[in-house]
Amino acid sequence: MLKKTMSGHGASTQEKTAALTRYSQMSDQAVYQALKTNPDGLSSTEAADRLEAVGANTVVTQHPRPWYLILLSAFNEPFVWVLAFLVAVSTATADYDGAMMMS
């Protein structure tokens, strides 16, 4: 059950959240039994077996978006495009005061 619901492969975030919620509502002994462990932890042999069967216990992280992509995404809005078009039209028609007000 643990491999299917908690591993990073194939389980959705909702499934992982549901599994963690179930574990949080169990008694200590029920969690130990469900995870096939005990308060003293796993033996070296059992830990090695689980490492081979399930894989390493790693946290998947996302790298933060670079600042320039965040800045560019701020300009990818319809209203910004309308204003840019109006600035171009105002500049093309020599309405520099209007272009300055919109930019």
C-alpha atoms as a PDB file:
ATOM      1  CA  MET A   1       0.000   0.000   0.000  1.00  0.00           C
ATOM      2  CA  LEU A   2       2.788   2.412   0.849  1.00  0.00           C
ATOM      3  CA  LYS A   3       4.576   1.995  -2.462  1.00  0.00           C
ATOM      4  CA  LYS A   4       1.429   2.548  -4.488  1.00  0.00           C
ATOM      5  CA  THR A   5       0.104   5.567  -2.591  1.00  0.00           C
ATOM      6  CA  MET A   6       3.217   7.358  -1.414  1.00  0.00           C
ATOM      7  CA  SER A   7       5.873   6.870  -4.063  1.00  0.00           C
ATOM      8  CA  GLY A   8       6.438   9.677  -6.512  1.00  0.00           C
ATOM      9  CA  HIS A   9       5.757   7.418  -9.477  1.00  0.00           C
ATOM     10  CA  GLY A  10       2.159   7.158 -10.608  1.00  0.00           C
ATOM     11  CA  ALA A  11       0.432   8.523  -7.525  1.00  0.00           C
ATOM     12  CA  SER A  12      -1.319  11.847  -7.911  1.00  0.00           C
ATOM     13  CA  THR A  13      -1.032  14.622  -5.377  1.00  0.00           C
ATOM     14  CA  GLN A  14      -4.615  13.942  -4.308  1.00  0.00           C
ATOM     15  CA  GLU A  15      -3.838  10.266  -3.699  1.00  0.00           C
ATOM     16  CA  LYS A  16      -0.778  11.162  -1.654  1.00  0.00           C
ATOM     17  CA  THR A  17      -2.752  13.705   0.362  1.00  0.00           C
ATOM     18  CA  ALA A  18      -5.511  11.173   1.002  1.00  0.00           C
ATOM     19  CA  ALA A  19      -2.972   8.570   2.152  1.00  0.00           C
ATOM     20  CA  LEU A  20      -1.267  11.037   4.488  1.00  0.00           C
ATOM     21  CA  THR A  21      -4.643  12.071   5.893  1.00  0.00           C
ATOM     22  CA  ARG A  22      -5.515   8.431   6.580  1.00  0.00           C
ATOM     23  CA  TYR A  23      -2.186   7.861   8.327  1.00  0.00           C
ATOM     24  CA  SER A  24      -2.617  11.003  10.425  1.00  0.00           C
ATOM     25  CA  GLN A  25      -5.943   9.721  11.730  1.00  0.00           C
ATOM     26  CA  MET A  26      -4.567   6.303  12.753  1.00  0.00           C
ATOM     27  CA  SER A  27      -3.136   5.362  16.104  1.00  0.00           C
ATOM     28  CA  ASP A  28       0.624   4.959  16.383  1.00  0.00           C
ATOM     29  CA  GLN A  29       0.371   1.186  16.453  1.00  0.00           C
ATOM     30  CA  ALA A  30      -1.901   1.126  13.397  1.00  0.00           C
ATOM     31  CA  VAL A  31       0.585   3.250  11.451  1.00  0.00           C
ATOM     32  CA  TYR A  32       3.461   0.971  12.457  1.00  0.00           C
ATOM     33  CA  GLN A  33       1.458  -2.029  11.326  1.00  0.00           C
ATOM     34  CA  ALA A  34       0.359  -0.408   8.043  1.00  0.00           C
ATOM     35  CA  LEU A  35       3.923   0.633   7.229  1.00  0.00           C
ATOM     36  CA  LYS A  36       5.387  -2.647   8.491  1.00  0.00           C
ATOM     37  CA  THR A  37       7.750  -0.985  10.937  1.00  0.00           C
ATOM     38  CA  ASN A  38       8.074  -0.361  14.679  1.00  0.00           C
ATOM     39  CA  PRO A  39       9.026   2.503  17.018  1.00  0.00           C
ATOM     40  CA  ASP A  40      12.704   1.497  16.801  1.00  0.00           C
ATOM     41  CA  GLY A  41      12.734   1.862  13.006  1.00  0.00           C
ATOM     42  CA  LEU A  42      13.813  -0.557  10.323  1.00  0.00           C
ATOM     43  CA  SER A  43      16.687  -2.967  10.521  1.00  0.00           C
ATOM     44  CA  SER A  44      19.547  -2.386   8.094  1.00  0.00           C
ATOM     45  CA  THR A  45      18.451  -5.392   6.070  1.00  0.00           C
ATOM     46  CA  GLU A  46      14.837  -4.229   5.854  1.00  0.00           C
ATOM     47  CA  ALA A  47      15.949  -0.687   4.956  1.00  0.00           C
ATOM     48  CA  ALA A  48      18.158  -2.035   2.157  1.00  0.00           C
ATOM     49  CA  ASP A  49      15.321  -4.232   0.881  1.00  0.00           C
ATOM     50  CA  ARG A  50      12.901  -1.297   0.839  1.00  0.00           C
ATOM     51  CA  LEU A  51      15.468   0.932  -0.829  1.00  0.00           C
ATOM     52  CA  GLU A  52      15.794  -1.616  -3.606  1.00  0.00           C
ATOM     53  CA  ALA A  53      12.034  -2.237  -3.887  1.00  0.00           C
ATOM     54  CA  VAL A  54      10.687   1.320  -3.549  1.00  0.00           C
ATOM     55  CA  GLY A  55      13.666   3.542  -4.255  1.00  0.00           C
ATOM     56  CA  ALA A  56      15.305   6.361  -2.377  1.00  0.00           C
ATOM     57  CA  ASN A  57      13.252   8.640  -0.162  1.00  0.00           C
ATOM     58  CA  THR A  58      13.852  11.841  -2.083  1.00  0.00           C
ATOM     59  CA  VAL A  59      11.891  15.049  -2.255  1.00  0.00           C
ATOM     60  CA  VAL A  60      11.094  16.253  -5.742  1.00  0.00           C
ATOM     61  CA  THR A  61      11.589  19.979  -6.011  1.00  0.00           C
ATOM     62  CA  GLN A  62      10.902  22.485  -8.702  1.00  0.00           C
ATOM     63  CA  HIS A  63      13.444  25.096  -9.555  1.00  0.00           C
ATOM     64  CA  PRO A  64      12.148  28.641  -9.161  1.00  0.00           C
ATOM     65  CA  ARG A  65      11.362  30.477 -12.361  1.00  0.00           C
ATOM     66  CA  PRO A  66      14.077  32.920 -13.402  1.00  0.00           C
ATOM     67  CA  TRP A  67      13.303  36.563 -12.681  1.00  0.00           C
ATOM     68  CA  TYR A  68      13.300  37.526 -16.346  1.00  0.00           C
ATOM     69  CA  LEU A  69      10.570  34.982 -17.143  1.00  0.00           C
ATOM     70  CA  ILE A  70       8.462  36.318 -14.296  1.00  0.00           C
ATOM     71  CA  LEU A  71       8.978  39.845 -15.634  1.00  0.00           C
ATOM     72  CA  LEU A  72       8.084  38.836 -19.191  1.00  0.00           C
ATOM     73  CA  SER A  73       4.984  36.962 -18.053  1.00  0.00           C
ATOM     74  CA  ALA A  74       3.737  40.149 -16.394  1.00  0.00           C
ATOM     75  CA  PHE A  75       3.554  41.754 -19.842  1.00  0.00           C
ATOM     76  CA  ASN A  76       1.646  38.862 -21.384  1.00  0.00           C
ATOM     77  CA  GLU A  77      -1.773  40.275 -20.539  1.00  0.00           C
ATOM     78  CA  PRO A  78      -4.438  41.458 -23.005  1.00  0.00           C
ATOM     79  CA  PHE A  79      -4.672  44.925 -21.469  1.00  0.00           C
ATOM     80  CA  VAL A  80      -0.921  45.425 -21.817  1.00  0.00           C
ATOM     81  CA  TRP A  81      -1.134  44.448 -25.493  1.00  0.00           C
ATOM     82  CA  VAL A  82      -3.996  46.926 -26.043  1.00  0.00           C
ATOM     83  CA  LEU A  83      -1.975  49.689 -24.411  1.00  0.00           C
ATOM     84  CA  ALA A  84       1.093  48.811 -26.494  1.00  0.00           C
ATOM     85  CA  PHE A  85      -1.022  48.957 -29.651  1.00  0.00           C
ATOM     86  CA  LEU A  86      -2.456  52.330 -28.634  1.00  0.00           C
ATOM     87  CA  VAL A  87       1.026  53.673 -27.873  1.00  0.00           C
ATOM     88  CA  ALA A  88       2.138  52.560 -31.347  1.00  0.00           C
ATOM     89  CA  VAL A  89      -0.885  54.204 -32.982  1.00  0.00           C
ATOM     90  CA  SER A  90      -0.389  57.403 -30.985  1.00  0.00           C
ATOM     91  CA  THR A  91       3.285  57.497 -31.909  1.00  0.00           C
ATOM     92  CA  ALA A  92       2.511  56.830 -35.579  1.00  0.00           C
ATOM     93  CA  THR A  93      -0.005  59.695 -35.623  1.00  0.00           C
ATOM     94  CA  ALA A  94       2.432  62.034 -33.858  1.00  0.00           C
ATOM     95  CA  ASP A  95       0.295  62.161 -30.700  1.00  0.00           C
ATOM     96  CA  TYR A  96       3.318  62.019 -28.431  1.00  0.00           C
ATOM     97  CA  ASP A  97       1.449  63.326 -25.384  1.00  0.00           C
ATOM     98  CA  GLY A  98      -1.049  60.454 -25.658  1.00  0.00           C
ATOM     99  CA  ALA A  99       1.738  57.946 -26.197  1.00  0.00           C
ATOM    100  CA  MET A 100       3.555  59.202 -23.100  1.00  0.00           C
ATOM    101  CA  MET A 101       0.394  58.979 -20.991  1.00  0.00           C
ATOM    102  CA  MET A 102      -0.190  55.346 -21.978  1.00  0.00           C
ATOM    103  CA  SER A 103       3.389  54.183 -21.609  1.00  0.00           C
END
